[in-house]
Amino acid sequence: MATIKVKQVKSRIKCPKDQKRTLDALGLRKMNQIVEHEANPAILGMVEKVKHLVSVVK
């Protein structure tokens, strides 16, 4: 499968607890942090849930 790089671009402050847990599950804990994941449906669903906080970089 292909891999995607996910970067946190907005702060998690004042976000609901489930969105904070989603960021933790993706491995994002700090601003501008980039993590790499396999592009499977579970990961893509998590990225979709917090799309206003993250961006997918190449």
N, C-alpha and C. Protein backbone atom coordinates (compact mmCIF):
# COMPACT_ATOMS: atom_id res chain seq x y z
N MET A 1 0.83 -1.19 0.00
CA MET A 1 0.00 0.00 0.00
C MET A 1 0.87 1.25 0.00
N ALA A 2 0.25 2.34 -0.39
CA ALA A 2 0.95 3.61 -0.39
C ALA A 2 1.02 4.17 1.02
N THR A 3 1.96 5.05 1.22
CA THR A 3 2.07 5.70 2.52
C THR A 3 1.70 7.17 2.36
N ILE A 4 1.19 7.74 3.44
CA ILE A 4 0.87 9.17 3.45
C ILE A 4 1.59 9.80 4.64
N LYS A 5 1.92 11.07 4.50
CA LYS A 5 2.51 11.84 5.59
C LYS A 5 1.45 12.82 6.07
N VAL A 6 1.20 12.81 7.36
CA VAL A 6 0.19 13.66 7.96
C VAL A 6 0.89 14.67 8.86
N LYS A 7 0.55 15.95 8.70
CA LYS A 7 1.16 17.02 9.48
C LYS A 7 0.09 17.75 10.26
N GLN A 8 0.32 17.98 11.55
CA GLN A 8 -0.62 18.75 12.36
C GLN A 8 -0.36 20.23 12.12
N VAL A 9 -1.39 20.95 11.65
CA VAL A 9 -1.21 22.36 11.30
C VAL A 9 -1.96 23.30 12.22
N LYS A 10 -2.91 22.79 13.02
CA LYS A 10 -3.64 23.62 13.97
C LYS A 10 -3.57 22.98 15.35
N SER A 11 -3.76 23.81 16.35
CA SER A 11 -3.64 23.36 17.73
C SER A 11 -4.82 22.49 18.14
N ARG A 12 -4.57 21.59 19.09
CA ARG A 12 -5.61 20.73 19.62
C ARG A 12 -6.33 21.37 20.80
N ILE A 13 -5.92 22.56 21.21
CA ILE A 13 -6.56 23.25 22.32
C ILE A 13 -8.01 23.55 21.96
N LYS A 14 -8.91 23.34 22.90
CA LYS A 14 -10.35 23.57 22.76
C LYS A 14 -11.01 22.60 21.78
N CYS A 15 -10.36 21.51 21.43
CA CYS A 15 -10.99 20.49 20.59
C CYS A 15 -11.68 19.47 21.49
N PRO A 16 -12.72 18.82 20.96
CA PRO A 16 -13.36 17.76 21.75
C PRO A 16 -12.39 16.62 22.06
N LYS A 17 -12.69 15.89 23.11
CA LYS A 17 -11.81 14.83 23.59
C LYS A 17 -11.61 13.74 22.54
N ASP A 18 -12.66 13.42 21.76
CA ASP A 18 -12.51 12.36 20.76
C ASP A 18 -11.54 12.78 19.65
N GLN A 19 -11.50 14.07 19.31
CA GLN A 19 -10.54 14.53 18.31
C GLN A 19 -9.12 14.51 18.86
N LYS A 20 -8.95 14.82 20.14
CA LYS A 20 -7.63 14.73 20.75
C LYS A 20 -7.14 13.29 20.76
N ARG A 21 -8.05 12.36 21.04
CA ARG A 21 -7.68 10.94 21.02
C ARG A 21 -7.32 10.48 19.62
N THR A 22 -8.01 11.01 18.62
CA THR A 22 -7.69 10.66 17.23
C THR A 22 -6.30 11.15 16.87
N LEU A 23 -5.95 12.37 17.27
CA LEU A 23 -4.60 12.87 17.02
C LEU A 23 -3.57 12.01 17.73
N ASP A 24 -3.86 11.59 18.96
CA ASP A 24 -2.94 10.71 19.68
C ASP A 24 -2.78 9.38 18.95
N ALA A 25 -3.87 8.85 18.43
CA ALA A 25 -3.82 7.57 17.71
C ALA A 25 -3.00 7.70 16.43
N LEU A 26 -3.03 8.87 15.83
CA LEU A 26 -2.22 9.10 14.63
C LEU A 26 -0.76 9.35 14.98
N GLY A 27 -0.47 9.61 16.26
CA GLY A 27 0.90 9.86 16.68
C GLY A 27 1.27 11.33 16.64
N LEU A 28 0.27 12.21 16.54
CA LEU A 28 0.52 13.65 16.48
C LEU A 28 0.33 14.25 17.86
N ARG A 29 1.39 14.82 18.41
CA ARG A 29 1.31 15.40 19.75
C ARG A 29 1.74 16.86 19.79
N LYS A 30 2.41 17.34 18.75
CA LYS A 30 2.89 18.72 18.71
C LYS A 30 2.54 19.36 17.37
N MET A 31 2.51 20.67 17.37
CA MET A 31 2.27 21.41 16.14
C MET A 31 3.42 21.15 15.15
N ASN A 32 3.09 21.11 13.88
CA ASN A 32 4.04 20.93 12.77
C ASN A 32 4.77 19.60 12.81
N GLN A 33 4.28 18.66 13.61
CA GLN A 33 4.86 17.32 13.64
C GLN A 33 4.34 16.54 12.44
N ILE A 34 5.20 15.75 11.82
CA ILE A 34 4.83 14.95 10.65
C ILE A 34 5.02 13.48 10.99
N VAL A 35 4.00 12.67 10.71
CA VAL A 35 4.09 11.23 10.89
C VAL A 35 3.72 10.56 9.57
N GLU A 36 4.23 9.36 9.39
CA GLU A 36 3.98 8.61 8.16
C GLU A 36 3.20 7.35 8.49
N HIS A 37 2.13 7.10 7.72
CA HIS A 37 1.27 5.94 7.94
C HIS A 37 0.94 5.29 6.61
N GLU A 38 0.57 4.02 6.68
CA GLU A 38 0.03 3.34 5.51
C GLU A 38 -1.34 3.92 5.20
N ALA A 39 -1.68 4.04 3.94
CA ALA A 39 -2.95 4.64 3.53
C ALA A 39 -4.04 3.57 3.51
N ASN A 40 -4.43 3.08 4.69
CA ASN A 40 -5.52 2.10 4.77
C ASN A 40 -6.80 2.81 5.21
N PRO A 41 -7.94 2.17 5.09
CA PRO A 41 -9.21 2.85 5.42
C PRO A 41 -9.30 3.37 6.85
N ALA A 42 -8.69 2.69 7.81
CA ALA A 42 -8.74 3.15 9.20
C ALA A 42 -8.00 4.48 9.36
N ILE A 43 -6.81 4.57 8.80
CA ILE A 43 -6.02 5.80 8.90
C ILE A 43 -6.69 6.93 8.13
N LEU A 44 -7.19 6.64 6.95
CA LEU A 44 -7.86 7.68 6.16
C LEU A 44 -9.11 8.19 6.87
N GLY A 45 -9.80 7.32 7.58
CA GLY A 45 -10.96 7.74 8.35
C GLY A 45 -10.57 8.65 9.50
N MET A 46 -9.46 8.35 10.16
CA MET A 46 -8.98 9.21 11.24
C MET A 46 -8.56 10.58 10.71
N VAL A 47 -7.90 10.59 9.56
CA VAL A 47 -7.49 11.86 8.96
C VAL A 47 -8.72 12.67 8.58
N GLU A 48 -9.75 12.03 8.06
CA GLU A 48 -10.98 12.72 7.69
C GLU A 48 -11.67 13.32 8.92
N LYS A 49 -11.59 12.66 10.05
CA LYS A 49 -12.24 13.14 11.27
C LYS A 49 -11.60 14.43 11.78
N VAL A 50 -10.29 14.56 11.62
CA VAL A 50 -9.59 15.75 12.11
C VAL A 50 -9.00 16.55 10.95
N LYS A 51 -9.69 16.58 9.83
CA LYS A 51 -9.15 17.25 8.64
C LYS A 51 -8.96 18.74 8.82
N HIS A 52 -9.66 19.34 9.78
CA HIS A 52 -9.49 20.76 10.04
C HIS A 52 -8.24 21.05 10.90
N LEU A 53 -7.62 20.02 11.42
CA LEU A 53 -6.42 20.18 12.25
C LEU A 53 -5.15 19.69 11.57
N VAL A 54 -5.29 18.88 10.52
CA VAL A 54 -4.12 18.28 9.88
C VAL A 54 -4.13 18.55 8.39
N SER A 55 -2.99 18.29 7.76
CA SER A 55 -2.90 18.31 6.31
C SER A 55 -2.07 17.13 5.88
N VAL A 56 -2.30 16.66 4.66
CA VAL A 56 -1.52 15.55 4.10
C VAL A 56 -0.45 16.16 3.21
N VAL A 57 0.81 15.88 3.53
CA VAL A 57 1.93 16.43 2.77
C VAL A 57 2.55 15.33 1.93
N LYS A 58 3.30 15.72 0.92
CA LYS A 58 3.90 14.75 0.02
C LYS A 58 5.31 14.44 0.42
